[in-house]
Amino acid sequence: MSIDFEAPGYLYETVAKRIAERIETGELAPNTPLPAEGQLAREYGVALGTVRQATRLLREWGLVVTVRSKGTYVRRREKTPEFCLWSAP
């Protein structure tokens, strides 16, 4: 999977957005580990530090959770109701 190195913004943001797209489409399923940082770095053709910054950003966005000594996992998305029973129409 290639990265557009000419895209506006920081490179780690671009990588984070690519991974977020994979989460949104279900390619990276909830409660499954993200690929290893080294694997992601090779896959996207970026430095390991860039992947670490991207992972930090994904945590800030609430898409992944890191468990010490276990790895980083895709968070299960909570479904939000389309309507509220106690609100007036």
PDB file of N, CA and C in Angstrom:
ATOM      1  N   MET A   1       0.854  -1.170   0.000  1.00  0.00           N
ATOM      2  CA  MET A   1       0.000   0.000   0.000  1.00  0.00           C
ATOM      3  C   MET A   1       0.898   1.230   0.000  1.00  0.00           C
ATOM      4  N   SER A   2       0.770   2.052  -0.987  1.00  0.00           N
ATOM      5  CA  SER A   2       1.665   3.196  -1.111  1.00  0.00           C
ATOM      6  C   SER A   2       1.087   4.446  -0.459  1.00  0.00           C
ATOM      7  N   ILE A   3       1.981   5.322  -0.105  1.00  0.00           N
ATOM      8  CA  ILE A   3       1.635   6.594   0.526  1.00  0.00           C
ATOM      9  C   ILE A   3       2.024   7.708  -0.430  1.00  0.00           C
ATOM     10  N   ASP A   4       1.165   8.712  -0.515  1.00  0.00           N
ATOM     11  CA  ASP A   4       1.477   9.886  -1.318  1.00  0.00           C
ATOM     12  C   ASP A   4       2.353  10.806  -0.467  1.00  0.00           C
ATOM     13  N   PHE A   5       3.644  10.798  -0.741  1.00  0.00           N
ATOM     14  CA  PHE A   5       4.586  11.594   0.042  1.00  0.00           C
ATOM     15  C   PHE A   5       4.451  13.085  -0.236  1.00  0.00           C
ATOM     16  N   GLU A   6       3.684  13.451  -1.247  1.00  0.00           N
ATOM     17  CA  GLU A   6       3.473  14.858  -1.587  1.00  0.00           C
ATOM     18  C   GLU A   6       2.172  15.404  -1.002  1.00  0.00           C
ATOM     19  N   ALA A   7       1.418  14.563  -0.306  1.00  0.00           N
ATOM     20  CA  ALA A   7       0.138  14.995   0.270  1.00  0.00           C
ATOM     21  C   ALA A   7       0.389  16.078   1.312  1.00  0.00           C
ATOM     22  N   PRO A   8      -0.552  17.022   1.434  1.00  0.00           N
ATOM     23  CA  PRO A   8      -0.372  18.077   2.439  1.00  0.00           C
ATOM     24  C   PRO A   8      -0.465  17.497   3.850  1.00  0.00           C
ATOM     25  N   GLY A   9       0.202  18.124   4.781  1.00  0.00           N
ATOM     26  CA  GLY A   9       0.177  17.669   6.167  1.00  0.00           C
ATOM     27  C   GLY A   9       1.378  16.802   6.487  1.00  0.00           C
ATOM     28  N   TYR A  10       1.380  16.324   7.716  1.00  0.00           N
ATOM     29  CA  TYR A  10       2.478  15.489   8.168  1.00  0.00           C
ATOM     30  C   TYR A  10       2.329  14.067   7.645  1.00  0.00           C
ATOM     31  N   LEU A  11       3.459  13.416   7.407  1.00  0.00           N
ATOM     32  CA  LEU A  11       3.462  12.062   6.880  1.00  0.00           C
ATOM     33  C   LEU A  11       2.758  11.091   7.833  1.00  0.00           C
ATOM     34  N   TYR A  12       2.957  11.261   9.145  1.00  0.00           N
ATOM     35  CA  TYR A  12       2.320  10.354  10.094  1.00  0.00           C
ATOM     36  C   TYR A  12       0.795  10.494  10.066  1.00  0.00           C
ATOM     37  N   GLU A  13       0.293  11.693   9.748  1.00  0.00           N
ATOM     38  CA  GLU A  13      -1.159  11.875   9.621  1.00  0.00           C
ATOM     39  C   GLU A  13      -1.687  11.100   8.416  1.00  0.00           C
ATOM     40  N   THR A  14      -0.942  11.120   7.335  1.00  0.00           N
ATOM     41  CA  THR A  14      -1.336  10.384   6.139  1.00  0.00           C
ATOM     42  C   THR A  14      -1.376   8.887   6.423  1.00  0.00           C
ATOM     43  N   VAL A  15      -0.362   8.386   7.126  1.00  0.00           N
ATOM     44  CA  VAL A  15      -0.319   6.968   7.479  1.00  0.00           C
ATOM     45  C   VAL A  15      -1.492   6.632   8.404  1.00  0.00           C
ATOM     46  N   ALA A  16      -1.750   7.480   9.391  1.00  0.00           N
ATOM     47  CA  ALA A  16      -2.863   7.248  10.320  1.00  0.00           C
ATOM     48  C   ALA A  16      -4.194   7.221   9.574  1.00  0.00           C
ATOM     49  N   LYS A  17      -4.362   8.101   8.611  1.00  0.00           N
ATOM     50  CA  LYS A  17      -5.611   8.121   7.840  1.00  0.00           C
ATOM     51  C   LYS A  17      -5.771   6.843   7.025  1.00  0.00           C
ATOM     52  N   ARG A  18      -4.674   6.339   6.464  1.00  0.00           N
ATOM     53  CA  ARG A  18      -4.727   5.083   5.698  1.00  0.00           C
ATOM     54  C   ARG A  18      -5.134   3.917   6.597  1.00  0.00           C
ATOM     55  N   ILE A  19      -4.541   3.861   7.785  1.00  0.00           N
ATOM     56  CA  ILE A  19      -4.884   2.789   8.720  1.00  0.00           C
ATOM     57  C   ILE A  19      -6.328   2.951   9.186  1.00  0.00           C
ATOM     58  N   ALA A  20      -6.758   4.186   9.428  1.00  0.00           N
ATOM     59  CA  ALA A  20      -8.140   4.445   9.836  1.00  0.00           C
ATOM     60  C   ALA A  20      -9.118   3.981   8.758  1.00  0.00           C
ATOM     61  N   GLU A  21      -8.763   4.185   7.492  1.00  0.00           N
ATOM     62  CA  GLU A  21      -9.612   3.711   6.394  1.00  0.00           C
ATOM     63  C   GLU A  21      -9.737   2.189   6.429  1.00  0.00           C
ATOM     64  N   ARG A  22      -8.631   1.517   6.723  1.00  0.00           N
ATOM     65  CA  ARG A  22      -8.648   0.058   6.810  1.00  0.00           C
ATOM     66  C   ARG A  22      -9.527  -0.405   7.974  1.00  0.00           C
ATOM     67  N   ILE A  23      -9.548   0.362   9.058  1.00  0.00           N
ATOM     68  CA  ILE A  23     -10.405   0.029  10.197  1.00  0.00           C
ATOM     69  C   ILE A  23     -11.867   0.259   9.821  1.00  0.00           C
ATOM     70  N   GLU A  24     -12.154   1.391   9.191  1.00  0.00           N
ATOM     71  CA  GLU A  24     -13.535   1.734   8.821  1.00  0.00           C
ATOM     72  C   GLU A  24     -14.131   0.735   7.829  1.00  0.00           C
ATOM     73  N   THR A  25     -13.317   0.228   6.915  1.00  0.00           N
ATOM     74  CA  THR A  25     -13.826  -0.718   5.923  1.00  0.00           C
ATOM     75  C   THR A  25     -13.926  -2.144   6.466  1.00  0.00           C
ATOM     76  N   GLY A  26     -13.361  -2.368   7.653  1.00  0.00           N
ATOM     77  CA  GLY A  26     -13.416  -3.698   8.246  1.00  0.00           C
ATOM     78  C   GLY A  26     -12.236  -4.575   7.881  1.00  0.00           C
ATOM     79  N   GLU A  27     -11.315  -4.055   7.077  1.00  0.00           N
ATOM     80  CA  GLU A  27     -10.116  -4.820   6.746  1.00  0.00           C
ATOM     81  C   GLU A  27      -9.339  -5.156   8.020  1.00  0.00           C
ATOM     82  N   LEU A  28      -9.311  -4.195   8.947  1.00  0.00           N
ATOM     83  CA  LEU A  28      -8.759  -4.431  10.278  1.00  0.00           C
ATOM     84  C   LEU A  28      -9.948  -4.489  11.230  1.00  0.00           C
ATOM     85  N   ALA A  29     -10.302  -5.688  11.636  1.00  0.00           N
ATOM     86  CA  ALA A  29     -11.525  -5.922  12.406  1.00  0.00           C
ATOM     87  C   ALA A  29     -11.357  -5.531  13.875  1.00  0.00           C
ATOM     88  N   PRO A  30     -12.470  -5.191  14.536  1.00  0.00           N
ATOM     89  CA  PRO A  30     -12.427  -4.872  15.963  1.00  0.00           C
ATOM     90  C   PRO A  30     -11.847  -6.034  16.773  1.00  0.00           C
ATOM     91  N   ASN A  31     -11.155  -5.686  17.833  1.00  0.00           N
ATOM     92  CA  ASN A  31     -10.550  -6.629  18.772  1.00  0.00           C
ATOM     93  C   ASN A  31      -9.419  -7.456  18.168  1.00  0.00           C
ATOM     94  N   THR A  32      -8.910  -7.045  17.017  1.00  0.00           N
ATOM     95  CA  THR A  32      -7.759  -7.727  16.425  1.00  0.00           C
ATOM     96  C   THR A  32      -6.542  -6.816  16.533  1.00  0.00           C
ATOM     97  N   PRO A  33      -5.363  -7.407  16.615  1.00  0.00           N
ATOM     98  CA  PRO A  33      -4.172  -6.563  16.730  1.00  0.00           C
ATOM     99  C   PRO A  33      -3.830  -5.889  15.413  1.00  0.00           C
ATOM    100  N   LEU A  34      -3.289  -4.685  15.529  1.00  0.00           N
ATOM    101  CA  LEU A  34      -2.727  -4.027  14.352  1.00  0.00           C
ATOM    102  C   LEU A  34      -1.487  -4.817  13.947  1.00  0.00           C
ATOM    103  N   PRO A  35      -1.119  -4.786  12.681  1.00  0.00           N
ATOM    104  CA  PRO A  35       0.157  -5.389  12.302  1.00  0.00           C
ATOM    105  C   PRO A  35       1.285  -4.733  13.100  1.00  0.00           C
ATOM    106  N   ALA A  36       2.381  -5.441  13.256  1.00  0.00           N
ATOM    107  CA  ALA A  36       3.533  -4.915  13.993  1.00  0.00           C
ATOM    108  C   ALA A  36       4.016  -3.608  13.371  1.00  0.00           C
ATOM    109  N   GLU A  37       4.588  -2.743  14.199  1.00  0.00           N
ATOM    110  CA  GLU A  37       5.064  -1.444  13.716  1.00  0.00           C
ATOM    111  C   GLU A  37       6.063  -1.601  12.570  1.00  0.00           C
ATOM    112  N   GLY A  38       6.964  -2.562  12.688  1.00  0.00           N
ATOM    113  CA  GLY A  38       7.947  -2.789  11.629  1.00  0.00           C
ATOM    114  C   GLY A  38       7.292  -3.196  10.323  1.00  0.00           C
ATOM    115  N   GLN A  39       6.273  -4.022  10.430  1.00  0.00           N
ATOM    116  CA  GLN A  39       5.550  -4.456   9.228  1.00  0.00           C
ATOM    117  C   GLN A  39       4.833  -3.279   8.576  1.00  0.00           C
ATOM    118  N   LEU A  40       4.186  -2.443   9.399  1.00  0.00           N
ATOM    119  CA  LEU A  40       3.503  -1.261   8.860  1.00  0.00           C
ATOM    120  C   LEU A  40       4.499  -0.300   8.210  1.00  0.00           C
ATOM    121  N   ALA A  41       5.664  -0.136   8.841  1.00  0.00           N
ATOM    122  CA  ALA A  41       6.693   0.759   8.280  1.00  0.00           C
ATOM    123  C   ALA A  41       7.127   0.264   6.900  1.00  0.00           C
ATOM    124  N   ARG A  42       7.342  -1.031   6.772  1.00  0.00           N
ATOM    125  CA  ARG A  42       7.735  -1.586   5.467  1.00  0.00           C
ATOM    126  C   ARG A  42       6.590  -1.474   4.462  1.00  0.00           C
ATOM    127  N   GLU A  43       5.385  -1.753   4.923  1.00  0.00           N
ATOM    128  CA  GLU A  43       4.211  -1.719   4.045  1.00  0.00           C
ATOM    129  C   GLU A  43       3.990  -0.333   3.450  1.00  0.00           C
ATOM    130  N   TYR A  44       4.160   0.694   4.272  1.00  0.00           N
ATOM    131  CA  TYR A  44       3.921   2.063   3.813  1.00  0.00           C
ATOM    132  C   TYR A  44       5.188   2.759   3.330  1.00  0.00           C
ATOM    133  N   GLY A  45       6.336   2.140   3.531  1.00  0.00           N
ATOM    134  CA  GLY A  45       7.589   2.732   3.081  1.00  0.00           C
ATOM    135  C   GLY A  45       8.002   3.945   3.881  1.00  0.00           C
ATOM    136  N   VAL A  46       7.762   3.891   5.191  1.00  0.00           N
ATOM    137  CA  VAL A  46       8.084   5.011   6.073  1.00  0.00           C
ATOM    138  C   VAL A  46       8.954   4.515   7.224  1.00  0.00           C
ATOM    139  N   ALA A  47       9.470   5.455   8.007  1.00  0.00           N
ATOM    140  CA  ALA A  47      10.293   5.121   9.161  1.00  0.00           C
ATOM    141  C   ALA A  47       9.432   4.602  10.315  1.00  0.00           C
ATOM    142  N   LEU A  48      10.065   3.844  11.183  1.00  0.00           N
ATOM    143  CA  LEU A  48       9.379   3.291  12.347  1.00  0.00           C
ATOM    144  C   LEU A  48       8.792   4.403  13.225  1.00  0.00           C
ATOM    145  N   GLY A  49       9.509   5.503  13.376  1.00  0.00           N
ATOM    146  CA  GLY A  49       9.010   6.632  14.164  1.00  0.00           C
ATOM    147  C   GLY A  49       7.730   7.220  13.591  1.00  0.00           C
ATOM    148  N   THR A  50       7.615   7.215  12.277  1.00  0.00           N
ATOM    149  CA  THR A  50       6.400   7.718  11.625  1.00  0.00           C
ATOM    150  C   THR A  50       5.213   6.833  11.980  1.00  0.00           C
ATOM    151  N   VAL A  51       5.433   5.526  11.980  1.00  0.00           N
ATOM    152  CA  VAL A  51       4.363   4.589  12.344  1.00  0.00           C
ATOM    153  C   VAL A  51       3.980   4.771  13.806  1.00  0.00           C
ATOM    154  N   ARG A  52       4.953   4.995  14.661  1.00  0.00           N
ATOM    155  CA  ARG A  52       4.654   5.205  16.085  1.00  0.00           C
ATOM    156  C   ARG A  52       3.811   6.458  16.290  1.00  0.00           C
ATOM    157  N   GLN A  53       4.138   7.520  15.558  1.00  0.00           N
ATOM    158  CA  GLN A  53       3.337   8.748  15.657  1.00  0.00           C
ATOM    159  C   GLN A  53       1.929   8.515  15.115  1.00  0.00           C
ATOM    160  N   ALA A  54       1.828   7.745  14.039  1.00  0.00           N
ATOM    161  CA  ALA A  54       0.512   7.437  13.466  1.00  0.00           C
ATOM    162  C   ALA A  54      -0.321   6.633  14.458  1.00  0.00           C
ATOM    163  N   THR A  55       0.306   5.679  15.129  1.00  0.00           N
ATOM    164  CA  THR A  55      -0.399   4.868  16.128  1.00  0.00           C
ATOM    165  C   THR A  55      -0.879   5.737  17.286  1.00  0.00           C
ATOM    166  N   ARG A  56      -0.037   6.684  17.701  1.00  0.00           N
ATOM    167  CA  ARG A  56      -0.440   7.608  18.767  1.00  0.00           C
ATOM    168  C   ARG A  56      -1.670   8.404  18.347  1.00  0.00           C
ATOM    169  N   LEU A  57      -1.674   8.847  17.106  1.00  0.00           N
ATOM    170  CA  LEU A  57      -2.809   9.607  16.593  1.00  0.00           C
ATOM    171  C   LEU A  57      -4.071   8.744  16.536  1.00  0.00           C
ATOM    172  N   LEU A  58      -3.933   7.503  16.126  1.00  0.00           N
ATOM    173  CA  LEU A  58      -5.082   6.583  16.103  1.00  0.00           C
ATOM    174  C   LEU A  58      -5.633   6.374  17.513  1.00  0.00           C
ATOM    175  N   ARG A  59      -4.748   6.330  18.521  1.00  0.00           N
ATOM    176  CA  ARG A  59      -5.220   6.226  19.912  1.00  0.00           C
ATOM    177  C   ARG A  59      -6.000   7.475  20.291  1.00  0.00           C
ATOM    178  N   GLU A  60      -5.485   8.649  19.913  1.00  0.00           N
ATOM    179  CA  GLU A  60      -6.177   9.909  20.212  1.00  0.00           C
ATOM    180  C   GLU A  60      -7.556   9.938  19.567  1.00  0.00           C
ATOM    181  N   TRP A  61      -7.668   9.376  18.369  1.00  0.00           N
ATOM    182  CA  TRP A  61      -8.944   9.333  17.658  1.00  0.00           C
ATOM    183  C   TRP A  61      -9.876   8.269  18.227  1.00  0.00           C
ATOM    184  N   GLY A  62      -9.384   7.437  19.125  1.00  0.00           N
ATOM    185  CA  GLY A  62     -10.210   6.401  19.738  1.00  0.00           C
ATOM    186  C   GLY A  62     -10.405   5.175  18.866  1.00  0.00           C
ATOM    187  N   LEU A  63      -9.547   4.980  17.870  1.00  0.00           N
ATOM    188  CA  LEU A  63      -9.703   3.842  16.964  1.00  0.00           C
ATOM    189  C   LEU A  63      -8.941   2.611  17.423  1.00  0.00           C
ATOM    190  N   VAL A  64      -7.889   2.814  18.209  1.00  0.00           N
ATOM    191  CA  VAL A  64      -7.097   1.689  18.696  1.00  0.00           C
ATOM    192  C   VAL A  64      -6.790   1.890  20.174  1.00  0.00           C
ATOM    193  N   VAL A  65      -6.406   0.794  20.810  1.00  0.00           N
ATOM    194  CA  VAL A  65      -5.978   0.838  22.208  1.00  0.00           C
ATOM    195  C   VAL A  65      -4.704   0.009  22.311  1.00  0.00           C
ATOM    196  N   THR A  66      -3.733   0.519  23.065  1.00  0.00           N
ATOM    197  CA  THR A  66      -2.480  -0.196  23.244  1.00  0.00           C
ATOM    198  C   THR A  66      -2.467  -0.817  24.633  1.00  0.00           C
ATOM    199  N   VAL A  67      -2.202  -2.124  24.676  1.00  0.00           N
ATOM    200  CA  VAL A  67      -2.112  -2.863  25.925  1.00  0.00           C
ATOM    201  C   VAL A  67      -0.640  -3.181  26.146  1.00  0.00           C
ATOM    202  N   ARG A  68      -0.118  -2.715  27.237  1.00  0.00           N
ATOM    203  CA  ARG A  68       1.312  -2.892  27.521  1.00  0.00           C
ATOM    204  C   ARG A  68       1.707  -4.368  27.456  1.00  0.00           C
ATOM    205  N   SER A  69       2.772  -4.638  26.774  1.00  0.00           N
ATOM    206  CA  SER A  69       3.336  -5.979  26.586  1.00  0.00           C
ATOM    207  C   SER A  69       2.454  -6.906  25.761  1.00  0.00           C
ATOM    208  N   LYS A  70       1.380  -6.381  25.188  1.00  0.00           N
ATOM    209  CA  LYS A  70       0.478  -7.197  24.375  1.00  0.00           C
ATOM    210  C   LYS A  70       0.407  -6.698  22.935  1.00  0.00           C
ATOM    211  N   GLY A  71       0.360  -5.383  22.751  1.00  0.00           N
ATOM    212  CA  GLY A  71       0.264  -4.824  21.415  1.00  0.00           C
ATOM    213  C   GLY A  71      -0.835  -3.787  21.304  1.00  0.00           C
ATOM    214  N   THR A  72      -1.090  -3.373  20.087  1.00  0.00           N
ATOM    215  CA  THR A  72      -2.118  -2.374  19.800  1.00  0.00           C
ATOM    216  C   THR A  72      -3.256  -3.060  19.074  1.00  0.00           C
ATOM    217  N   TYR A  73      -4.467  -2.838  19.552  1.00  0.00           N
ATOM    218  CA  TYR A  73      -5.650  -3.514  19.038  1.00  0.00           C
ATOM    219  C   TYR A  73      -6.673  -2.509  18.519  1.00  0.00           C
ATOM    220  N   VAL A  74      -7.414  -2.936  17.516  1.00  0.00           N
ATOM    221  CA  VAL A  74      -8.506  -2.128  16.982  1.00  0.00           C
ATOM    222  C   VAL A  74      -9.621  -2.147  18.016  1.00  0.00           C
ATOM    223  N   ARG A  75     -10.117  -0.973  18.341  1.00  0.00           N
ATOM    224  CA  ARG A  75     -11.209  -0.879  19.323  1.00  0.00           C
ATOM    225  C   ARG A  75     -12.531  -1.253  18.686  1.00  0.00           C
ATOM    226  N   ARG A  76     -13.367  -1.842  19.491  1.00  0.00           N
ATOM    227  CA  ARG A  76     -14.723  -2.136  19.048  1.00  0.00           C
ATOM    228  C   ARG A  76     -15.485  -0.822  19.027  1.00  0.00           C
ATOM    229  N   ARG A  77     -16.152  -0.570  17.923  1.00  0.00           N
ATOM    230  CA  ARG A  77     -16.910   0.677  17.785  1.00  0.00           C
ATOM    231  C   ARG A  77     -18.268   0.505  18.435  1.00  0.00           C
ATOM    232  N   GLU A  78     -18.612   1.460  19.262  1.00  0.00           N
ATOM    233  CA  GLU A  78     -19.929   1.454  19.894  1.00  0.00           C
ATOM    234  C   GLU A  78     -20.938   1.989  18.897  1.00  0.00           C
ATOM    235  N   LYS A  79     -22.013   1.267  18.740  1.00  0.00           N
ATOM    236  CA  LYS A  79     -23.052   1.744  17.827  1.00  0.00           C
ATOM    237  C   LYS A  79     -23.872   2.813  18.539  1.00  0.00           C
ATOM    238  N   THR A  80     -24.091   3.910  17.849  1.00  0.00           N
ATOM    239  CA  THR A  80     -24.896   4.980  18.414  1.00  0.00           C
ATOM    240  C   THR A  80     -26.302   4.868  17.863  1.00  0.00           C
ATOM    241  N   PRO A  81     -27.301   5.053  18.720  1.00  0.00           N
ATOM    242  CA  PRO A  81     -28.676   4.967  18.231  1.00  0.00           C
ATOM    243  C   PRO A  81     -28.981   6.079  17.243  1.00  0.00           C
ATOM    244  N   GLU A  82     -29.836   5.779  16.276  1.00  0.00           N
ATOM    245  CA  GLU A  82     -30.182   6.771  15.273  1.00  0.00           C
ATOM    246  C   GLU A  82     -31.195   7.780  15.792  1.00  0.00           C
ATOM    247  N   PHE A  83     -31.842   7.446  16.885  1.00  0.00           N
ATOM    248  CA  PHE A  83     -32.804   8.369  17.482  1.00  0.00           C
ATOM    249  C   PHE A  83     -32.740   8.206  18.988  1.00  0.00           C
ATOM    250  N   CYS A  84     -33.291   9.180  19.675  1.00  0.00           N
ATOM    251  CA  CYS A  84     -33.289   9.165  21.128  1.00  0.00           C
ATOM    252  C   CYS A  84     -34.732   9.043  21.597  1.00  0.00           C
ATOM    253  N   LEU A  85     -35.013   8.026  22.401  1.00  0.00           N
ATOM    254  CA  LEU A  85     -36.393   7.776  22.853  1.00  0.00           C
ATOM    255  C   LEU A  85     -36.930   8.864  23.773  1.00  0.00           C
ATOM    256  N   TRP A  86     -36.063   9.541  24.493  1.00  0.00           N
ATOM    257  CA  TRP A  86     -36.531  10.515  25.459  1.00  0.00           C
ATOM    258  C   TRP A  86     -36.524  11.943  24.935  1.00  0.00           C
ATOM    259  N   SER A  87     -36.183  12.152  23.696  1.00  0.00           N
ATOM    260  CA  SER A  87     -36.189  13.513  23.160  1.00  0.00           C
ATOM    261  C   SER A  87     -37.508  13.788  22.434  1.00  0.00           C
ATOM    262  N   ALA A  88     -37.899  15.014  22.465  1.00  0.00           N
ATOM    263  CA  ALA A  88     -39.143  15.427  21.796  1.00  0.00           C
ATOM    264  C   ALA A  88     -38.898  15.529  20.303  1.00  0.00           C
ATOM    265  N   PRO A  89     -39.882  15.166  19.487  1.00  0.00           N
ATOM    266  CA  PRO A  89     -39.720  15.254  18.027  1.00  0.00           C
ATOM    267  C   PRO A  89     -39.640  16.682  17.532  1.00  0.00           C
TER     268      PRO A  89
END
